[in-house]
């Protein structure tokens, strides 16, 4: 009996270590404090650079320009994943894209506070479809405010959470979009993004990180939700 009582805690510890390793080894994290982090992304359209944010006093990635502005990462090996990030629209809309094949083929969620709009939409073969479910208002968000976003993509559905709340029903994803990377995007507006955390099966480990240390780092970073001074 004494031997069994020793085995059970050891077994539980092993399970904890396995879980810790699996969570960390399938995560990408970008706080953009290192300008070289932008090299891991692909600029599909617009101007993207790492700048100092005046609200948070930290480095962020900024997209600005005219028409569609799109920064992406990932490839056809990516299927199911969770994307968490801090976002701030300086002039109006910001958004997160998923199952991205290229600039003309993807699904996305956007929020445009100045026109009181939030919605799911898709772009296939260059044609936009904004009739993927109900449209929402600004969800209590204004421009020049940092908020926390979380996108969960699994199978033929995607969910969006804004500041911990789920404002919409999950969106259905068509069968021909069963894989693809992720992106941040907006249309003709300036947006800031930071603390982008991507987790899921097949997601590579952040460059330069080992298999144990990053979990505490990610938890610490993501616990510090950005807010206005």
Protein backbone atom coordinates (compact mmCIF):
# COMPACT_ATOMS: atom_id res chain seq x y z
CA UNK A 1 0.00 0.00 0.00
CA UNK A 2 2.86 2.35 0.86
CA UNK A 3 4.44 1.67 -2.52
CA UNK A 4 1.18 2.46 -4.28
CA UNK A 5 0.87 5.74 -2.38
CA UNK A 6 4.27 6.74 -3.75
CA UNK A 7 3.53 5.71 -7.32
CA UNK A 8 0.34 7.78 -7.64
CA UNK A 9 1.98 11.19 -6.92
CA UNK A 10 4.88 10.34 -9.23
CA UNK A 11 2.45 9.39 -12.00
CA UNK A 12 0.53 12.65 -11.49
CA UNK A 13 3.77 14.62 -11.70
CA UNK A 14 4.69 12.89 -14.95
CA UNK A 15 1.31 13.79 -16.43
CA UNK A 16 1.81 17.41 -15.38
CA UNK A 17 5.23 17.53 -17.03
CA UNK A 18 3.89 15.98 -20.23
CA UNK A 19 1.04 18.52 -20.32
CA UNK A 20 3.43 21.40 -19.71
CA UNK A 21 5.74 20.26 -22.50
CA UNK A 22 2.93 19.72 -25.00
CA UNK A 23 1.40 23.14 -24.34
CA UNK A 24 4.67 24.98 -24.74
CA UNK A 25 5.98 23.04 -27.71
CA UNK A 26 2.96 24.06 -29.78
CA UNK A 27 2.95 27.82 -29.23
CA UNK A 28 4.09 30.95 -31.00
CA UNK A 29 4.26 34.22 -29.05
CA UNK A 30 5.01 37.70 -30.37
CA UNK A 31 5.39 40.71 -28.07
CA UNK A 32 7.28 42.63 -30.78
CA UNK A 33 9.92 43.86 -28.35
CA UNK A 34 12.43 42.46 -30.85
CA UNK A 35 12.12 44.07 -34.28
CA UNK A 36 13.24 40.80 -35.88
CA UNK A 37 9.94 39.18 -34.86
CA UNK A 38 8.32 40.86 -37.84
CA UNK A 39 10.54 38.76 -40.11
CA UNK A 40 8.50 35.68 -39.16
CA UNK A 41 5.39 37.21 -40.73
CA UNK A 42 4.39 37.78 -44.35
CA UNK A 43 3.14 41.20 -45.43
CA UNK A 44 0.34 40.44 -47.87
CA UNK A 45 -0.67 44.09 -48.30
CA UNK A 46 -0.18 47.48 -46.70
CA UNK A 47 2.64 48.87 -44.58
CA UNK A 48 3.55 47.06 -41.37
CA UNK A 49 6.22 48.00 -38.85
CA UNK A 50 7.09 47.71 -35.17
CA UNK A 51 6.54 50.98 -33.33
CA UNK A 52 6.19 52.38 -29.81
CA UNK A 53 2.58 52.59 -28.67
CA UNK A 54 1.79 55.84 -26.85
CA UNK A 55 -0.98 54.31 -24.73
CA UNK A 56 0.87 51.28 -23.38
CA UNK A 57 4.45 52.53 -23.77
CA UNK A 58 5.45 49.19 -25.29
CA UNK A 59 6.39 48.03 -28.76
CA UNK A 60 3.60 46.82 -31.01
CA UNK A 61 3.09 45.98 -34.67
CA UNK A 62 1.25 48.64 -36.66
CA UNK A 63 -0.54 48.34 -39.96
CA UNK A 64 -1.45 51.44 -41.94
CA UNK A 65 -2.17 52.51 -45.50
CA UNK A 66 -5.07 52.48 -47.93
CA UNK A 67 -7.39 49.64 -48.94
CA UNK A 68 -6.72 46.23 -47.41
CA UNK A 69 -3.87 45.89 -44.90
CA UNK A 70 -2.92 42.29 -44.15
CA UNK A 71 -0.15 40.65 -42.11
CA UNK A 72 -0.12 36.84 -41.96
CA UNK A 73 1.74 33.85 -40.60
CA UNK A 74 1.34 30.10 -41.08
CA UNK A 75 0.64 27.77 -44.00
CA UNK A 76 -1.49 24.88 -45.21
CA UNK A 77 -0.20 22.67 -42.38
CA UNK A 78 -2.11 24.80 -39.88
CA UNK A 79 -5.67 23.62 -39.25
CA UNK A 80 -7.07 24.05 -35.73
CA UNK A 81 -5.69 26.71 -33.41
CA UNK A 82 -6.40 29.42 -30.86
CA UNK A 83 -5.24 32.99 -31.42
CA UNK A 84 -5.13 35.49 -28.54
CA UNK A 85 -4.00 39.07 -28.90
CA UNK A 86 -4.35 42.66 -27.72
CA UNK A 87 -5.76 45.01 -30.34
CA UNK A 88 -6.32 48.74 -30.70
CA UNK A 89 -7.86 50.55 -33.65
CA UNK A 90 -6.36 54.01 -33.88
CA UNK A 91 -8.65 55.26 -36.63
CA UNK A 92 -11.32 52.55 -36.84
CA UNK A 93 -11.46 48.87 -37.68
CA UNK A 94 -9.15 46.01 -36.73
CA UNK A 95 -9.60 42.32 -37.35
CA UNK A 96 -8.23 38.80 -37.18
CA UNK A 97 -8.21 36.40 -40.14
CA UNK A 98 -8.01 32.61 -40.14
CA UNK A 99 -7.68 29.66 -42.51
CA UNK A 100 -5.75 32.14 -44.64
CA UNK A 101 -4.66 30.85 -48.05
CA UNK A 102 -3.71 34.24 -49.52
CA UNK A 103 -4.91 37.83 -49.51
CA UNK A 104 -7.97 36.86 -51.56
CA UNK A 105 -9.01 33.73 -49.65
CA UNK A 106 -9.70 33.67 -45.92
CA UNK A 107 -12.27 33.99 -43.11
CA UNK A 108 -12.16 36.86 -40.60
CA UNK A 109 -13.74 38.77 -37.76
CA UNK A 110 -13.69 42.57 -37.68
CA UNK A 111 -14.80 45.34 -35.37
CA UNK A 112 -15.24 48.93 -36.57
CA UNK A 113 -16.18 51.13 -33.58
CA UNK A 114 -16.74 54.39 -35.49
CA UNK A 115 -19.55 52.87 -37.54
CA UNK A 116 -20.73 50.61 -34.69
CA UNK A 117 -20.12 47.37 -36.57
CA UNK A 118 -18.73 43.95 -35.68
CA UNK A 119 -19.12 40.86 -37.85
CA UNK A 120 -17.81 37.64 -39.35
CA UNK A 121 -17.00 37.68 -43.05
CA UNK A 122 -15.13 35.71 -45.69
CA UNK A 123 -13.23 36.50 -48.84
CA UNK A 124 -13.13 33.82 -51.52
CA UNK A 125 -11.58 34.34 -54.92
CA UNK A 126 -11.35 38.04 -54.10
CA UNK A 127 -15.11 38.38 -53.39
CA UNK A 128 -16.27 39.44 -49.92
CA UNK A 129 -19.24 37.77 -48.19
CA UNK A 130 -20.51 39.61 -45.11
CA UNK A 131 -23.64 37.49 -44.68
CA UNK A 132 -22.22 34.84 -42.37
CA UNK A 133 -24.49 35.52 -39.43
CA UNK A 134 -25.81 38.41 -37.40
CA UNK A 135 -23.96 41.70 -37.32
CA UNK A 136 -23.17 43.39 -34.03
CA UNK A 137 -22.48 46.90 -32.79
CA UNK A 138 -19.20 48.25 -31.40
CA UNK A 139 -19.45 45.89 -28.39
CA UNK A 140 -18.70 48.80 -26.08
CA UNK A 141 -15.35 49.44 -27.75
CA UNK A 142 -14.07 52.83 -28.92
CA UNK A 143 -11.10 53.76 -31.06
CA UNK A 144 -7.80 54.28 -29.24
CA UNK A 145 -8.66 51.59 -26.71
CA UNK A 146 -6.81 48.33 -26.11
CA UNK A 147 -8.93 45.22 -25.74
CA UNK A 148 -8.36 41.50 -25.45
CA UNK A 149 -9.42 39.19 -28.31
CA UNK A 150 -9.47 35.41 -28.58
CA UNK A 151 -10.23 33.37 -31.69
CA UNK A 152 -10.80 29.61 -31.48
CA UNK A 153 -10.78 27.69 -34.78
CA UNK A 154 -11.69 24.01 -34.63
CA UNK A 155 -12.98 21.82 -37.42
CA UNK A 156 -15.76 23.57 -39.33
CA UNK A 157 -16.38 26.29 -36.74
CA UNK A 158 -14.73 29.39 -35.30
CA UNK A 159 -15.53 31.31 -32.12
CA UNK A 160 -14.59 34.85 -31.14
CA UNK A 161 -14.27 36.23 -27.62
CA UNK A 162 -13.89 39.93 -26.82
CA UNK A 163 -12.71 40.77 -23.30
CA UNK A 164 -13.74 37.29 -22.23
CA UNK A 165 -17.28 37.49 -23.66
CA UNK A 166 -18.58 35.64 -26.72
CA UNK A 167 -20.71 38.19 -28.64
CA UNK A 168 -21.65 35.96 -31.57
CA UNK A 169 -22.60 32.39 -32.33
CA UNK A 170 -19.76 30.37 -33.89
CA UNK A 171 -19.33 30.87 -37.62
CA UNK A 172 -19.44 27.87 -39.94
CA UNK A 173 -16.42 27.36 -42.20
CA UNK A 174 -16.85 25.80 -45.63
CA UNK A 175 -15.16 22.49 -46.43
CA UNK A 176 -12.75 24.08 -48.91
CA UNK A 177 -11.23 26.13 -46.08
CA UNK A 178 -10.07 23.32 -43.81
CA UNK A 179 -6.53 24.68 -43.38
CA UNK A 180 -4.47 27.84 -43.60
CA UNK A 181 -2.63 30.37 -41.48
CA UNK A 182 -3.79 33.35 -39.46
CA UNK A 183 -3.50 37.09 -39.91
CA UNK A 184 -4.32 40.54 -38.56
CA UNK A 185 -5.96 42.94 -40.97
CA UNK A 186 -8.00 46.06 -41.48
CA UNK A 187 -9.23 48.19 -44.35
CA UNK A 188 -7.73 51.65 -44.84
CA UNK A 189 -7.24 52.22 -41.12
CA UNK A 190 -4.35 52.27 -38.67
CA UNK A 191 -4.33 49.45 -36.14
CA UNK A 192 -1.99 48.26 -33.41
CA UNK A 193 -1.60 44.63 -32.33
CA UNK A 194 0.45 43.11 -29.53
CA UNK A 195 1.04 39.97 -27.44
CA UNK A 196 -0.12 37.63 -30.19
CA UNK A 197 -0.24 34.06 -28.86
CA UNK A 198 -0.98 31.20 -31.28
CA UNK A 199 -1.48 27.70 -29.88
CA UNK A 200 -2.57 24.42 -31.41
CA UNK A 201 -1.43 21.13 -32.85
CA UNK A 202 1.22 21.71 -35.49
CA UNK A 203 2.01 25.26 -34.39
CA UNK A 204 5.81 25.60 -34.04
CA UNK A 205 7.63 26.80 -30.94
CA UNK A 206 8.60 30.47 -30.76
CA UNK A 207 12.16 30.93 -32.11
CA UNK A 208 14.80 30.85 -29.40
CA UNK A 209 12.53 29.37 -26.74
CA UNK A 210 13.15 26.07 -24.97
CA UNK A 211 10.53 23.53 -23.96
CA UNK A 212 10.01 24.60 -20.34
CA UNK A 213 10.60 28.32 -19.76
CA UNK A 214 8.04 29.85 -22.17
CA UNK A 215 4.93 28.63 -20.35
CA UNK A 216 5.53 30.94 -17.39
CA UNK A 217 6.50 33.71 -19.77
CA UNK A 218 3.37 33.35 -21.83
CA UNK A 219 1.13 33.18 -18.78
CA UNK A 220 2.76 36.28 -17.34
CA UNK A 221 2.58 38.20 -20.58
CA UNK A 222 -1.04 37.31 -21.26
CA UNK A 223 -2.02 38.14 -17.70
CA UNK A 224 -1.00 41.75 -18.26
CA UNK A 225 -3.98 42.97 -20.31
CA UNK A 226 -3.26 46.34 -21.76
CA UNK A 227 -5.32 49.29 -20.65
CA UNK A 228 -5.25 53.03 -21.08
CA UNK A 229 -3.20 55.16 -18.72
